[in-house]
Structure formats: structure tokens, C-alpha cells
Protein backbone atom coordinates (compact mmCIF):
# COMPACT_ATOMS: atom_id res chain seq x y z
CA MET A 1 35.90 85.87 192.30
CA PRO A 2 34.63 88.72 193.55
CA SER A 3 30.27 88.56 194.00
CA GLY A 4 28.04 91.87 193.13
CA LEU A 5 30.35 92.86 190.10
CA SER A 6 29.66 93.52 186.71
CA SER A 7 30.51 94.93 183.40
CA GLU A 8 27.85 96.10 180.73
CA ASN A 9 27.44 92.09 180.06
CA GLY A 10 27.13 91.04 183.40
CA GLN A 11 30.72 88.98 183.63
CA LEU A 12 34.41 90.26 184.32
CA PRO A 13 36.33 89.67 181.52
CA GLY A 14 38.73 86.78 181.64
CA GLY A 15 38.33 85.80 185.40
CA LEU A 16 39.63 89.08 186.59
CA GLY A 17 42.31 89.26 183.05
CA ASP A 18 42.60 93.15 182.99
CA CYS A 19 40.11 96.34 182.47
CA GLU A 20 39.44 95.41 178.59
CA GLY A 21 35.39 95.45 178.16
CA LEU A 22 34.53 97.37 181.18
CA ALA A 23 34.24 101.06 181.34
CA THR A 24 37.14 102.58 182.50
CA ASP A 25 35.39 105.04 184.98
CA PHE A 26 34.59 101.56 186.79
CA CYS A 27 38.39 100.27 187.06
CA GLU A 28 39.10 103.87 188.02
CA LEU A 29 36.48 104.05 190.82
CA ALA A 30 36.46 100.54 191.73
CA GLY A 31 40.11 101.26 193.22
CA ALA A 32 40.88 97.44 193.06
CA ILE A 33 39.25 94.33 192.95
CA VAL A 34 40.42 91.80 195.35
CA GLY A 35 39.67 88.24 194.34
CA ASP A 36 39.06 84.73 196.80
CA GLU A 37 41.08 84.08 200.17
CA VAL A 38 43.19 87.04 199.12
CA ALA A 39 46.37 87.57 201.57
CA LEU A 40 46.70 91.49 201.89
CA PRO A 41 48.72 92.75 205.42
CA ALA A 42 48.62 95.97 206.73
CA GLY A 43 51.53 98.45 204.86
CA THR A 44 50.20 97.16 201.50
CA VAL A 45 49.10 100.42 198.90
CA LEU A 46 46.64 98.91 195.95
CA SER A 47 47.22 101.58 193.52
CA PRO A 48 42.96 102.18 191.65
CA GLY A 49 42.58 99.79 188.84
CA THR A 50 44.14 96.78 190.51
CA LEU A 51 42.99 93.46 189.82
CA ILE A 52 43.81 90.58 192.08
CA GLY A 53 43.47 87.14 191.01
CA PRO A 54 41.97 84.28 194.01
CA GLY A 55 44.81 83.33 196.47
CA THR A 56 47.53 85.01 195.97
CA VAL A 57 49.89 86.57 199.08
CA VAL A 58 50.75 89.86 199.16
CA TYR A 59 53.72 90.20 201.54
CA PRO A 60 54.01 93.50 203.39
CA ARG A 61 54.73 96.97 202.82
CA ASN A 62 54.14 96.93 199.17
CA HIS A 63 53.03 99.10 196.43
CA ILE A 64 50.66 96.77 194.17
CA GLY A 65 49.75 98.01 190.66
CA GLY A 66 47.96 96.42 187.78
CA PHE A 67 47.22 92.65 187.33
CA LEU A 68 48.15 90.31 189.35
CA PRO A 69 46.75 86.60 188.28
CA ALA A 70 45.66 83.37 190.54
CA GLY A 71 47.77 82.50 193.04
CA SER A 72 50.62 84.84 192.65
CA ARG A 73 53.15 85.65 195.40
CA VAL A 74 54.45 89.44 195.63
CA ARG A 75 57.75 89.70 198.08
């Protein structure tokens, strides 16, 4: 999990589960929250509010948005 990020209660809900419980402004202004050991190659575009779980691998030239659980592979 990324360090230095918190919601009003001091933790990200559900281990990067979604923006529920976080202020809407936080999710829109944060850009994206990326977990540990995520592979994001050049040419990857992340939408605002994107949450990517640890160990996820994204292949080049993708547009990613929403929630990707830990260990996902996106082609």
C-alpha cells in the first residue's frame, strides 16, 4: 500500500478497494493511487481516481480507470 495517504479515518478503505469512505474531492484530486511493485510502462494513461492494487502489471499503451485488484494483468 502507498504510504503517506489517508482518509478522514486514517486508512484507505478495503486496502485500495474503492473511493467509498474517502472524500470525493480526494479521489478526483489525487490523480491515481498506485500500490507497491506495480509495472506501469511508458504510454499508459491513468484516469483521475484510479486505484491500482499491489503487484499489478499493465501492458503498454493502455488507458486505465477505476479499480484494479492486487496482482491484476491488464493487456
